[in-house]
Amino acid sequence: MTRYRASMEDAAMNADADVGKGLKTLGRRGRTRSRAGACTSFLASVVAFLLADPGTAFMPLRVIKSHTRAITTPSICMSIQSSSSKVKPRVVVAGGGFGGLYSALRLSELSRPSRYAPPSIDITLVDRHDRFVFLPLLYELAMGDANEEEVAPRFESLLASTGIRFVQGEVEAIDLAGKCVQVQSQGEATGEEAREGPESAFETPSSGSSKSLAYDKLVLALGSEPMLPPAASLPLSKGSLPPSPSSVMPFYTLRDAHALRRQLMRIDALPSPTLFRTVIVGGGYSGVELAANLATRLGRDKGRVTLVERGYQILGNSPMPVRASAGKRLEEEGVEVMLGVDVVEVDGARVVVRDRAAGTQGKEGAEGAGGGGREGEVVLPADLVVWTAGARVSPVVGAMEGLEKDGRGKLVTDGGLRALGSGGDVYVVGDNAAVMGYRGGGPPGSVGEKEQVLPSTAQVAFQESEVAAWNLWSSLTPGAPGPLRFQYTPLGEMLTLGPVDATISGLQGMFNLEGPSASLARRLVYIMRMPTGSQRLKAAKAWAKGRTAKVKGAFQEAFAEGNAWQK
């Protein structure tokens, strides 16, 4: 496929003299920071996670050359004022997840000549919701171990005094030729009126209204959407609970977490002899963490949890210590794990799965439910079905033409995270990006340069946001150091397996940790990874308050039991 030819040579030539000397980090204005070396103790491991700079392994992007391709998409923004009349270059960030929000915040920081001065770049962040969701803590919110302000702060709070303008609405289309983003309001209330000031602005277009946002540079961070079962009845896909306990729900968003929390409250109100049966589809990070937390929350006397995975092992891309710890925990909690099965039918009352090897005749399902008689099929009765399997790229990204895509519909980027075919004006981060990188030692454009298949995790988005923000700032700031090449550095994995249980494998297997100490380390790491200093402080206070309440409750319960025994 023909590639475009970009013009980043000038910026690359202006790079600092020491840019090519080894691995670099992305501190403020390109200051270098060293990463902790080999860790031999728990304390050193935690410190390494807290202080690890995602930019450590990034190499400078010297010259990226491709072929130019004209874009003939009809313009929907012909009336937008051209950038030549603007004092500040305009950057629109489409999507307020990890990749989008962190890119916008980092770009704002880089473009400020001083702490109290406004940024030299006009930055607009667009998202359909009024809250940013810290997805790794969504389980704690659903289980009641964290509050909404800790897990899902409002963009208004996060962007205060940053100079970033926030527009709440759905991205309908992106006009590459006219260089604008079409935004449609969903009519979601933010709880407060739109505000405008010298440092930041917050806009919520009236319900049903549409507006066009012109840009000079665009960051695509629209994320992915769940691939829900087509045969299922999904009353919870919009976040509303049905009147009966039987339901099918996804677990991807803040609404889903609240819906599950309300469902758990209903389960708590059920008579004691009632056994609530839950089937979780998907044995990846979300499915395993949710299964472990749900099983702990319900207890064996109240519920039964079944985890269904089409692969032949859970957490297929995780290190062996993580898979082993997770498997052990699921077994201890009584979670039934079914591997190597496809879901062929699902609704709010049952899940029908089929053995991929089709080696058995329709055998009896859980709780005495009979199979349908078809070869290899098992019928699993379910009071609740939670769907965590599979995701697809945003429909907006899928509809974009003129950009190079991979087999999954993701946008292929060069080493600097610029979309191939965009002329260098579109940067892609997070779930939307298929990054070109070294896999054979060859120079850019050679046989050795191939697509990197990176996991769709917050860790990847963190690191991509650093490079995207730096390269954007570098391309828009005369005399700035040159652009950087993205290279992913796997810092480790952390999974929650219960209220006080977790597993961590970090620094490329140099240490492994599990149990309460891993749970504590995980929570501290996520507090430090919050997008702003004020949000880190809020999260720390909320967590400390919750821990204090739990310890107090445990002491009160123990004291009450002691008094009862004395009587």
Protein backbone atom coordinates (compact mmCIF):
# COMPACT_ATOMS: atom_id res chain seq x y z
CA MET A 1 0.00 0.00 0.00
CA THR A 2 1.32 3.40 -0.95
CA ARG A 3 2.41 5.52 1.97
CA TYR A 4 2.57 9.24 2.35
CA ARG A 5 5.74 11.31 2.55
CA ALA A 6 5.95 13.48 5.67
CA SER A 7 8.13 16.45 6.46
CA MET A 8 9.54 16.08 9.96
CA GLU A 9 13.18 16.36 8.84
CA ASP A 10 13.49 20.00 9.90
CA ALA A 11 12.25 19.26 13.41
CA ALA A 12 14.52 16.23 13.64
CA MET A 13 17.54 18.31 12.65
CA ASN A 14 16.85 20.67 15.56
CA ALA A 15 17.04 17.90 18.16
CA ASP A 16 19.35 18.37 21.12
CA ALA A 17 22.89 17.18 20.60
CA ASP A 18 22.50 14.41 23.12
CA VAL A 19 19.19 13.07 21.79
CA GLY A 20 20.86 10.19 20.01
CA LYS A 21 22.87 9.06 23.03
CA GLY A 22 21.01 6.06 24.32
CA LEU A 23 17.50 5.86 25.68
CA LYS A 24 15.68 9.06 26.57
CA THR A 25 12.79 10.02 28.83
CA LEU A 26 10.08 12.63 28.43
CA GLY A 27 10.39 14.92 31.45
CA ARG A 28 9.30 18.54 31.26
CA ARG A 29 10.84 20.06 28.16
CA GLY A 30 12.69 16.86 27.46
CA ARG A 31 14.63 16.57 30.72
CA THR A 32 16.04 13.15 31.26
CA ARG A 33 15.19 11.01 34.21
CA SER A 34 16.70 7.66 35.03
CA ARG A 35 14.61 4.60 35.78
CA ALA A 36 15.12 2.42 38.79
CA GLY A 37 17.41 -0.50 38.08
CA ALA A 38 17.02 -4.06 39.18
CA CYS A 39 14.69 -4.30 42.19
CA THR A 40 15.43 -6.86 44.87
CA SER A 41 12.87 -5.98 47.51
CA PHE A 42 9.20 -5.22 47.75
CA LEU A 43 9.81 -1.57 48.61
CA ALA A 44 12.05 -1.05 45.61
CA SER A 45 9.48 -2.76 43.39
CA VAL A 46 6.69 -0.45 44.51
CA VAL A 47 8.89 2.62 44.08
CA ALA A 48 9.82 1.48 40.58
CA PHE A 49 6.15 1.16 39.65
CA LEU A 50 5.34 4.57 41.07
CA LEU A 51 8.22 6.40 39.47
CA ALA A 52 8.57 4.43 36.24
CA ASP A 53 8.54 6.91 33.36
CA PRO A 54 6.76 5.47 30.33
CA GLY A 55 9.12 7.30 28.05
CA THR A 56 12.30 5.48 29.07
CA ALA A 57 12.55 3.28 26.03
CA PHE A 58 11.64 5.89 23.47
CA MET A 59 14.26 6.50 20.80
CA PRO A 60 14.42 9.77 18.83
CA LEU A 61 12.52 9.71 15.59
CA ARG A 62 15.13 10.94 13.12
CA VAL A 63 13.44 10.97 9.76
CA ILE A 64 10.17 9.32 8.73
CA LYS A 65 9.59 9.22 4.99
CA SER A 66 6.56 7.97 3.12
CA HIS A 67 4.56 8.82 0.00
CA THR A 68 1.92 11.53 -0.06
CA ARG A 69 -1.64 10.51 -0.85
CA ALA A 70 -4.37 13.04 -1.67
CA ILE A 71 -7.55 12.89 0.36
CA THR A 72 -10.70 13.47 -1.63
CA THR A 73 -13.30 13.25 1.15
CA PRO A 74 -16.04 15.88 0.63
CA SER A 75 -15.58 18.68 3.12
CA ILE A 76 -18.18 19.25 5.83
CA CYS A 77 -16.30 22.26 7.19
CA MET A 78 -15.98 24.60 4.23
CA SER A 79 -17.15 27.56 6.30
CA ILE A 80 -14.60 27.07 9.06
CA GLN A 81 -12.01 29.83 9.33
CA SER A 82 -8.58 28.76 8.10
CA SER A 83 -5.72 28.34 10.57
CA SER A 84 -3.71 31.08 8.89
CA SER A 85 -5.81 33.68 10.67
CA LYS A 86 -5.37 32.08 14.06
CA VAL A 87 -2.65 33.19 16.45
CA LYS A 88 -2.47 29.83 18.18
CA PRO A 89 -2.30 26.49 16.37
CA ARG A 90 -5.39 24.42 17.09
CA VAL A 91 -5.29 20.84 18.36
CA VAL A 92 -8.49 18.82 18.78
CA VAL A 93 -8.28 15.66 20.90
CA ALA A 94 -11.15 13.32 20.03
CA GLY A 95 -11.80 11.04 23.00
CA GLY A 96 -11.32 11.59 26.73
CA GLY A 97 -10.04 8.18 27.80
CA PHE A 98 -6.49 7.46 28.95
CA GLY A 99 -4.90 8.21 25.58
CA GLY A 100 -6.89 11.37 24.86
CA LEU A 101 -6.95 13.00 28.30
CA TYR A 102 -3.31 12.32 29.11
CA SER A 103 -2.23 13.56 25.66
CA ALA A 104 -4.15 16.80 26.17
CA LEU A 105 -2.79 17.36 29.68
CA ARG A 106 0.80 16.66 28.62
CA LEU A 107 0.51 18.92 25.58
CA SER A 108 -0.87 21.70 27.76
CA GLU A 109 2.04 21.29 30.14
CA LEU A 110 4.64 21.30 27.37
CA SER A 111 3.17 24.36 25.66
CA ARG A 112 3.17 26.57 28.75
CA PRO A 113 6.12 28.97 28.84
CA SER A 114 5.65 29.14 32.62
CA ARG A 115 3.44 27.53 35.21
CA TYR A 116 0.90 30.35 35.32
CA ALA A 117 0.97 31.35 31.65
CA PRO A 118 -1.68 30.07 29.23
CA PRO A 119 -0.58 27.38 26.78
CA SER A 120 0.77 28.51 23.43
CA ILE A 121 -1.44 25.92 21.69
CA ASP A 122 -5.24 26.00 21.56
CA ILE A 123 -6.32 22.57 22.85
CA THR A 124 -9.88 21.22 22.70
CA LEU A 125 -10.86 17.88 24.25
CA VAL A 126 -14.07 16.19 23.08
CA ASP A 127 -15.84 13.31 24.81
CA ARG A 128 -19.39 11.98 24.91
CA HIS A 129 -19.43 11.87 28.71
CA ASP A 130 -18.82 14.50 31.35
CA ARG A 131 -16.54 12.22 33.40
CA PHE A 132 -13.21 10.55 32.86
CA VAL A 133 -13.25 6.92 34.02
CA PHE A 134 -10.15 5.35 35.54
CA LEU A 135 -11.03 1.90 34.21
CA PRO A 136 -8.66 -0.24 36.35
CA LEU A 137 -10.66 0.82 39.43
CA LEU A 138 -14.08 0.13 37.90
CA TYR A 139 -14.27 -3.16 39.83
CA GLU A 140 -13.85 -1.37 43.16
CA LEU A 141 -16.68 1.00 42.23
CA ALA A 142 -19.01 -1.87 41.29
CA MET A 143 -18.22 -3.75 44.52
CA GLY A 144 -18.66 -0.66 46.70
CA ASP A 145 -14.97 -0.37 47.60
CA ALA A 146 -14.49 3.03 45.90
CA ASN A 147 -16.63 6.10 45.26
CA GLU A 148 -17.46 7.82 41.99
CA GLU A 149 -15.32 10.91 42.56
CA GLU A 150 -12.31 8.68 43.08
CA VAL A 151 -12.88 6.50 40.00
CA ALA A 152 -14.72 8.90 37.67
CA PRO A 153 -13.87 12.59 38.26
CA ARG A 154 -15.54 15.23 36.11
CA PHE A 155 -13.58 16.68 33.21
CA GLU A 156 -14.49 20.10 34.59
CA SER A 157 -12.48 19.37 37.72
CA LEU A 158 -9.55 17.74 35.92
CA LEU A 159 -9.16 20.48 33.32
CA ALA A 160 -9.52 23.46 35.62
CA SER A 161 -6.64 25.93 35.14
CA THR A 162 -5.11 23.87 32.32
CA GLY A 163 -6.22 26.08 29.44
CA ILE A 164 -7.87 23.08 27.79
CA ARG A 165 -11.38 23.61 26.44
CA PHE A 166 -13.77 20.71 26.94
CA VAL A 167 -16.70 20.00 24.61
CA GLN A 168 -19.15 17.30 25.63
CA GLY A 169 -20.70 15.49 22.70
CA GLU A 170 -20.55 12.54 20.34
CA VAL A 171 -17.97 12.65 17.54
CA GLU A 172 -20.08 12.00 14.46
CA ALA A 173 -17.56 12.35 11.67
CA ILE A 174 -14.07 13.59 10.91
CA ASP A 175 -13.40 15.54 7.73
CA LEU A 176 -9.74 15.05 6.86
CA ALA A 177 -9.89 17.31 3.81
CA GLY A 178 -11.61 20.18 5.63
CA LYS A 179 -9.67 19.45 8.85
CA CYS A 180 -12.56 19.54 11.26
CA VAL A 181 -14.46 17.31 13.69
CA GLN A 182 -18.26 17.15 13.64
CA VAL A 183 -19.69 16.86 17.18
CA GLN A 184 -23.31 16.00 18.03
CA SER A 185 -24.64 16.62 21.51
CA GLN A 186 -26.17 13.62 23.30
CA GLY A 187 -28.07 15.84 25.67
CA GLU A 188 -26.24 14.51 28.74
CA ALA A 189 -26.44 16.88 31.68
CA THR A 190 -23.16 17.75 33.35
CA GLY A 191 -24.86 19.03 36.47
CA GLU A 192 -23.40 22.50 35.90
CA GLU A 193 -23.70 25.13 33.23
CA ALA A 194 -21.02 25.62 30.62
CA ARG A 195 -18.24 27.82 31.89
CA GLU A 196 -15.74 29.98 30.16
CA GLY A 197 -12.73 31.73 31.59
CA PRO A 198 -9.19 32.80 30.85
CA GLU A 199 -7.77 29.38 31.72
CA SER A 200 -10.34 26.86 30.54
CA ALA A 201 -13.79 26.49 29.02
CA PHE A 202 -16.46 23.83 29.30
CA GLU A 203 -19.15 23.43 26.70
CA THR A 204 -22.21 21.21 26.58
CA PRO A 205 -24.06 21.81 23.31
CA SER A 206 -27.82 21.79 23.64
CA SER A 207 -29.49 18.45 23.06
CA GLY A 208 -29.56 17.53 19.38
CA SER A 209 -27.33 20.40 18.34
CA SER A 210 -24.25 19.96 16.19
CA LYS A 211 -21.04 21.92 15.85
CA SER A 212 -17.82 21.73 13.86
CA LEU A 213 -14.40 22.02 15.48
CA ALA A 214 -11.60 23.05 13.14
CA TYR A 215 -8.10 21.78 13.81
CA ASP A 216 -4.54 22.11 12.61
CA LYS A 217 -3.58 18.86 14.30
CA LEU A 218 -5.85 16.06 15.47
CA VAL A 219 -5.38 13.36 18.12
CA LEU A 220 -7.62 10.33 17.59
CA ALA A 221 -8.31 8.56 20.87
CA LEU A 222 -11.90 7.37 20.48
CA GLY A 223 -11.18 3.97 22.01
CA SER A 224 -13.08 0.79 21.26
CA GLU A 225 -16.60 -0.48 21.78
CA PRO A 226 -17.78 -3.84 23.16
CA MET A 227 -18.72 -6.60 20.74
CA LEU A 228 -21.99 -7.68 22.30
CA PRO A 229 -23.70 -10.96 21.41
CA PRO A 230 -26.17 -10.38 18.55
CA ALA A 231 -28.61 -13.02 19.79
CA ALA A 232 -28.83 -11.60 23.29
CA SER A 233 -31.45 -9.36 24.79
CA LEU A 234 -29.43 -6.52 26.27
CA PRO A 235 -31.65 -4.33 28.44
CA LEU A 236 -28.57 -3.04 30.27
CA SER A 237 -26.60 -1.90 27.22
CA LYS A 238 -27.86 1.63 27.93
CA GLY A 239 -27.35 1.30 31.66
CA SER A 240 -30.98 0.80 32.76
CA LEU A 241 -31.97 -2.14 34.94
CA PRO A 242 -34.92 -4.33 33.92
CA PRO A 243 -37.68 -5.03 36.44
CA SER A 244 -36.57 -8.65 36.95
CA PRO A 245 -33.21 -9.87 38.32
CA SER A 246 -32.53 -11.83 35.12
CA SER A 247 -30.48 -9.73 32.71
CA VAL A 248 -27.52 -9.54 30.37
CA MET A 249 -25.10 -6.68 30.78
CA PRO A 250 -21.74 -5.56 29.44
CA PHE A 251 -19.02 -4.40 31.80
CA TYR A 252 -17.07 -1.65 30.08
CA THR A 253 -18.30 1.73 31.30
CA LEU A 254 -19.25 3.76 34.36
CA ARG A 255 -22.91 3.06 33.70
CA ASP A 256 -22.21 -0.66 33.58
CA ALA A 257 -20.45 -0.48 36.96
CA HIS A 258 -23.40 1.34 38.53
CA ALA A 259 -25.83 -1.15 36.98
CA LEU A 260 -23.88 -4.07 38.41
CA ARG A 261 -23.72 -2.40 41.81
CA ARG A 262 -27.50 -1.98 41.84
CA GLN A 263 -27.86 -5.61 40.82
CA LEU A 264 -25.65 -6.68 43.74
CA MET A 265 -27.84 -4.69 46.10
CA ARG A 266 -30.83 -6.66 44.80
CA ILE A 267 -28.96 -9.90 45.36
CA ASP A 268 -28.23 -8.87 48.95
CA ALA A 269 -31.98 -8.44 49.49
CA LEU A 270 -32.81 -11.97 48.28
CA PRO A 271 -33.84 -14.60 50.87
CA SER A 272 -30.90 -16.51 52.35
CA PRO A 273 -31.61 -19.91 50.70
CA THR A 274 -31.57 -18.30 47.23
CA LEU A 275 -28.53 -19.21 45.12
CA PHE A 276 -27.77 -16.52 42.54
CA ARG A 277 -26.08 -17.85 39.39
CA THR A 278 -23.77 -15.57 37.40
CA VAL A 279 -22.08 -16.37 34.08
CA ILE A 280 -19.20 -14.15 32.97
CA VAL A 281 -18.23 -14.38 29.29
CA GLY A 282 -14.58 -13.61 28.56
CA GLY A 283 -11.44 -14.81 30.30
CA GLY A 284 -9.31 -11.70 29.76
CA TYR A 285 -8.38 -9.08 32.32
CA SER A 286 -11.94 -7.81 32.83
CA GLY A 287 -13.54 -11.23 33.05
CA VAL A 288 -11.03 -12.70 35.49
CA GLU A 289 -10.97 -9.68 37.78
CA LEU A 290 -14.74 -9.44 37.77
CA ALA A 291 -15.18 -13.18 38.45
CA ALA A 292 -12.79 -13.11 41.41
CA ASN A 293 -14.35 -9.99 42.92
CA LEU A 294 -17.92 -11.16 42.38
CA ALA A 295 -17.23 -14.57 43.90
CA THR A 296 -15.66 -12.94 46.95
CA ARG A 297 -18.50 -10.46 47.23
CA LEU A 298 -21.28 -13.06 46.99
CA GLY A 299 -19.73 -15.95 48.89
CA ARG A 300 -20.42 -19.60 48.17
CA ASP A 301 -23.61 -19.61 50.22
CA LYS A 302 -25.13 -16.81 48.15
CA GLY A 303 -23.93 -17.26 44.60
CA ARG A 304 -22.23 -19.36 41.95
CA VAL A 305 -19.95 -17.80 39.36
CA THR A 306 -18.99 -19.44 36.05
CA LEU A 307 -16.30 -17.98 33.80
CA VAL A 308 -16.50 -18.87 30.10
CA GLU A 309 -13.50 -18.43 27.77
CA ARG A 310 -13.15 -19.51 24.14
CA GLY A 311 -9.37 -19.84 24.45
CA TYR A 312 -7.64 -22.71 26.20
CA GLN A 313 -6.31 -20.63 29.07
CA ILE A 314 -7.32 -17.52 30.95
CA LEU A 315 -5.27 -14.34 30.57
CA GLY A 316 -3.63 -15.68 27.44
CA ASN A 317 -1.24 -12.73 27.02
CA SER A 318 -0.22 -12.47 30.68
CA PRO A 319 2.97 -13.79 32.33
CA MET A 320 2.79 -17.25 33.86
CA PRO A 321 2.95 -16.01 37.51
CA VAL A 322 -0.10 -13.80 36.92
CA ARG A 323 -2.06 -16.63 35.29
CA ALA A 324 -1.11 -19.00 38.09
CA SER A 325 -2.14 -16.58 40.85
CA ALA A 326 -5.42 -15.79 39.12
CA GLY A 327 -6.22 -19.47 38.53
CA LYS A 328 -5.47 -20.32 42.14
CA ARG A 329 -7.67 -17.53 43.41
CA LEU A 330 -10.59 -18.48 41.17
CA GLU A 331 -10.35 -22.06 42.38
CA GLU A 332 -10.30 -20.98 46.03
CA GLU A 333 -13.43 -18.90 45.51
CA GLY A 334 -15.26 -21.74 43.79
CA VAL A 335 -15.44 -20.13 40.36
CA GLU A 336 -16.10 -22.71 37.64
CA VAL A 337 -13.85 -21.98 34.66
CA MET A 338 -14.87 -23.36 31.26
CA LEU A 339 -12.12 -23.15 28.63
CA GLY A 340 -12.18 -23.85 24.91
CA VAL A 341 -15.88 -23.15 24.44
CA ASP A 342 -17.80 -20.83 22.13
CA VAL A 343 -20.97 -19.02 23.21
CA VAL A 344 -23.67 -19.92 20.70
CA GLU A 345 -26.70 -18.41 22.44
CA VAL A 346 -27.21 -16.09 25.39
CA ASP A 347 -30.11 -14.30 27.03
CA GLY A 348 -31.13 -13.23 30.49
CA ALA A 349 -31.92 -16.77 31.64
CA ARG A 350 -29.25 -19.02 30.17
CA VAL A 351 -26.03 -19.26 28.24
CA VAL A 352 -25.50 -22.02 25.69
CA VAL A 353 -21.88 -22.89 25.01
CA ARG A 354 -20.32 -25.38 22.64
CA ASP A 355 -17.06 -27.24 23.07
CA ARG A 356 -14.75 -26.00 20.32
CA ALA A 357 -13.41 -29.51 19.92
CA ALA A 358 -17.00 -30.84 19.84
CA GLY A 359 -15.78 -33.90 21.63
CA THR A 360 -18.80 -34.47 23.85
CA GLN A 361 -22.51 -35.05 23.32
CA GLY A 362 -24.99 -32.51 24.77
CA LYS A 363 -24.06 -32.99 28.38
CA GLU A 364 -25.83 -31.69 31.44
CA GLY A 365 -25.10 -28.08 32.37
CA ALA A 366 -24.58 -26.45 35.71
CA GLU A 367 -27.20 -26.86 38.42
CA GLY A 368 -28.78 -29.82 36.67
CA ALA A 369 -29.77 -28.03 33.49
CA GLY A 370 -29.88 -30.31 30.50
CA GLY A 371 -28.10 -29.63 27.25
CA GLY A 372 -30.03 -29.16 24.08
CA GLY A 373 -28.98 -32.55 22.74
CA ARG A 374 -26.66 -31.07 20.12
CA GLU A 375 -23.10 -32.26 20.04
CA GLY A 376 -20.76 -30.50 22.42
CA GLU A 377 -23.34 -28.05 23.78
CA VAL A 378 -23.84 -27.16 27.44
CA VAL A 379 -26.70 -25.07 28.82
CA LEU A 380 -25.76 -22.87 31.77
CA PRO A 381 -28.70 -21.43 33.72
CA ALA A 382 -28.00 -17.84 34.69
CA ASP A 383 -29.71 -15.16 36.73
CA LEU A 384 -27.11 -12.69 35.49
CA VAL A 385 -24.90 -12.76 32.39
CA VAL A 386 -21.98 -10.33 32.24
CA TRP A 387 -20.31 -9.85 28.85
CA THR A 388 -16.63 -8.83 28.77
CA ALA A 389 -15.50 -10.64 25.60
CA GLY A 390 -14.28 -8.80 22.56
CA ALA A 391 -14.07 -5.20 21.41
CA ARG A 392 -14.02 -3.36 18.08
CA VAL A 393 -12.68 -0.02 16.97
CA SER A 394 -14.89 3.05 17.14
CA PRO A 395 -17.38 3.25 14.22
CA VAL A 396 -16.08 6.75 13.46
CA VAL A 397 -12.59 5.36 12.93
CA GLY A 398 -14.01 2.49 10.91
CA ALA A 399 -15.79 4.93 8.59
CA MET A 400 -12.72 7.05 7.91
CA GLU A 401 -11.36 6.76 4.37
CA GLY A 402 -7.95 7.57 2.97
CA LEU A 403 -6.02 6.27 5.98
CA GLU A 404 -4.16 2.98 6.11
CA LYS A 405 -5.75 0.35 8.37
CA ASP A 406 -4.81 -3.09 9.58
CA GLY A 407 -6.98 -6.22 9.52
CA ARG A 408 -8.75 -5.20 12.75
CA GLY A 409 -9.71 -1.77 11.44
CA LYS A 410 -7.11 0.09 13.50
CA LEU A 411 -5.23 3.00 11.97
CA VAL A 412 -1.64 2.16 11.07
CA THR A 413 0.81 4.79 12.29
CA ASP A 414 4.46 5.54 11.72
CA GLY A 415 6.97 5.48 14.57
CA GLY A 416 5.89 8.96 15.64
CA LEU A 417 2.22 7.89 16.03
CA ARG A 418 1.05 9.78 12.92
CA ALA A 419 -1.63 8.03 10.87
CA LEU A 420 -0.34 6.83 7.51
CA GLY A 421 -2.18 8.72 4.80
CA SER A 422 -3.03 11.76 6.93
CA GLY A 423 -0.25 14.01 5.73
CA GLY A 424 1.19 14.15 9.23
CA ASP A 425 -1.73 16.05 10.79
CA VAL A 426 -3.44 13.15 12.57
CA TYR A 427 -1.94 11.38 15.58
CA VAL A 428 -3.45 8.15 16.88
CA VAL A 429 -3.20 6.74 20.41
CA GLY A 430 -4.79 3.97 22.46
CA ASP A 431 -7.10 1.34 21.02
CA ASN A 432 -7.30 3.10 17.63
CA ALA A 433 -3.55 2.76 16.87
CA ALA A 434 -1.60 -0.01 15.16
CA VAL A 435 1.96 1.22 15.62
CA MET A 436 4.76 0.57 13.15
CA GLY A 437 7.98 -0.31 14.99
CA TYR A 438 11.22 -2.21 14.81
CA ARG A 439 11.07 -6.00 14.66
CA GLY A 440 14.15 -6.90 12.76
CA GLY A 441 16.62 -4.10 13.28
CA GLY A 442 16.01 -2.46 9.93
CA PRO A 443 15.57 1.27 9.35
CA PRO A 444 12.10 2.83 9.01
CA GLY A 445 10.40 1.63 5.85
CA SER A 446 12.60 -1.45 5.49
CA VAL A 447 11.61 -5.08 5.81
CA GLY A 448 12.58 -4.93 9.48
CA GLU A 449 9.82 -2.42 10.25
CA LYS A 450 6.55 -4.18 11.01
CA GLU A 451 3.34 -3.51 12.86
CA GLN A 452 3.47 -3.96 16.62
CA VAL A 453 0.47 -5.75 18.07
CA LEU A 454 0.07 -4.01 21.41
CA PRO A 455 -2.52 -4.86 24.07
CA SER A 456 -5.47 -2.52 24.54
CA THR A 457 -4.48 -1.45 28.04
CA ALA A 458 -4.14 1.78 29.98
CA GLN A 459 -0.40 1.20 30.18
CA VAL A 460 -0.04 1.36 26.39
CA ALA A 461 -2.21 4.50 26.22
CA PHE A 462 -0.10 6.15 28.95
CA GLN A 463 3.09 5.68 27.00
CA GLU A 464 1.61 6.63 23.64
CA SER A 465 0.16 9.84 25.08
CA GLU A 466 3.64 10.99 26.16
CA VAL A 467 5.10 10.54 22.69
CA ALA A 468 2.07 11.96 20.86
CA ALA A 469 2.06 15.08 23.05
CA TRP A 470 5.80 15.58 22.66
CA ASN A 471 5.71 15.18 18.87
CA LEU A 472 2.72 17.50 18.56
CA TRP A 473 4.45 20.17 20.62
CA SER A 474 7.68 19.66 18.68
CA SER A 475 5.91 20.04 15.32
CA LEU A 476 4.08 23.22 16.39
CA THR A 477 6.91 24.94 18.29
CA PRO A 478 9.72 26.55 16.27
CA GLY A 479 13.16 25.61 17.57
CA ALA A 480 11.82 22.78 19.76
CA PRO A 481 13.78 19.52 20.14
CA GLY A 482 13.00 16.93 17.50
CA PRO A 483 10.28 14.27 17.50
CA LEU A 484 10.52 10.91 19.23
CA ARG A 485 9.92 7.37 18.05
CA PHE A 486 7.45 5.37 20.09
CA GLN A 487 8.66 2.13 21.58
CA TYR A 488 6.51 0.29 24.06
CA THR A 489 8.05 -0.70 27.39
CA PRO A 490 6.07 -3.36 29.29
CA LEU A 491 6.29 -2.27 32.93
CA GLY A 492 4.27 -5.18 34.31
CA GLU A 493 0.73 -6.30 35.06
CA MET A 494 -1.50 -5.83 38.07
CA LEU A 495 -4.79 -7.65 38.66
CA THR A 496 -7.24 -7.30 41.51
CA LEU A 497 -8.52 -10.65 42.76
CA GLY A 498 -10.61 -9.47 45.67
CA PRO A 499 -10.99 -6.60 48.15
CA VAL A 500 -7.59 -7.28 49.74
CA ASP A 501 -6.02 -9.58 47.17
CA ALA A 502 -4.13 -8.90 43.94
CA THR A 503 -1.26 -10.17 41.85
CA ILE A 504 1.61 -8.18 40.31
CA SER A 505 4.29 -9.19 37.86
CA GLY A 506 6.60 -6.30 37.06
CA LEU A 507 9.77 -5.09 35.40
CA GLN A 508 9.76 -7.91 32.85
CA GLY A 509 9.43 -10.68 35.43
CA MET A 510 12.11 -9.40 37.80
CA PHE A 511 9.65 -9.60 40.68
CA ASN A 512 6.27 -11.14 41.38
CA LEU A 513 3.96 -10.29 44.24
CA GLU A 514 0.57 -11.51 45.38
CA GLY A 515 -1.83 -11.19 48.27
CA PRO A 516 -2.62 -8.15 50.46
CA SER A 517 0.78 -6.52 49.85
CA ALA A 518 0.15 -6.66 46.09
CA SER A 519 -3.32 -5.18 46.62
CA LEU A 520 -1.79 -2.28 48.55
CA ALA A 521 0.93 -1.72 45.95
CA ARG A 522 -1.61 -1.82 43.12
CA ARG A 523 -3.80 0.82 44.74
CA LEU A 524 -0.81 3.09 45.45
CA VAL A 525 0.37 2.80 41.86
CA TYR A 526 -3.05 3.73 40.52
CA ILE A 527 -3.28 6.69 42.88
CA MET A 528 0.02 7.97 41.49
CA ARG A 529 -1.22 7.37 37.94
CA MET A 530 -4.24 9.65 38.34
CA PRO A 531 -4.22 12.39 35.69
CA THR A 532 -3.66 15.41 37.96
CA GLY A 533 -2.13 16.21 41.33
CA SER A 534 -5.46 17.26 42.83
CA GLN A 535 -7.08 14.03 41.68
CA ARG A 536 -4.23 12.01 43.19
CA LEU A 537 -4.86 13.75 46.50
CA LYS A 538 -8.61 13.08 46.30
CA ALA A 539 -8.03 9.41 45.46
CA ALA A 540 -5.56 9.01 48.32
CA LYS A 541 -7.97 10.58 50.81
CA ALA A 542 -10.88 8.46 49.59
CA TRP A 543 -8.85 5.27 49.78
CA ALA A 544 -7.51 6.08 53.25
CA LYS A 545 -11.02 6.89 54.48
CA GLY A 546 -12.34 3.61 53.11
CA ARG A 547 -9.53 1.60 54.67
CA THR A 548 -10.07 3.30 58.03
CA ALA A 549 -13.79 2.51 57.92
CA LYS A 550 -13.10 -1.14 57.11
CA VAL A 551 -10.58 -1.54 59.92
CA LYS A 552 -12.98 0.14 62.34
CA GLY A 553 -15.80 -2.15 61.23
CA ALA A 554 -13.61 -5.23 61.65
CA PHE A 555 -12.69 -4.21 65.21
CA GLN A 556 -16.34 -3.53 66.07
CA GLU A 557 -17.38 -6.90 64.68
CA ALA A 558 -14.63 -8.69 66.61
CA PHE A 559 -15.59 -6.85 69.79
CA ALA A 560 -19.26 -7.76 69.34
CA GLU A 561 -18.37 -11.42 68.81
CA GLY A 562 -16.23 -11.36 71.95
CA ASN A 563 -19.06 -9.95 74.04
CA ALA A 564 -21.47 -12.55 72.67
CA TRP A 565 -19.03 -15.32 73.56
CA GLN A 566 -18.63 -14.00 77.13
CA LYS A 567 -22.39 -14.00 77.59
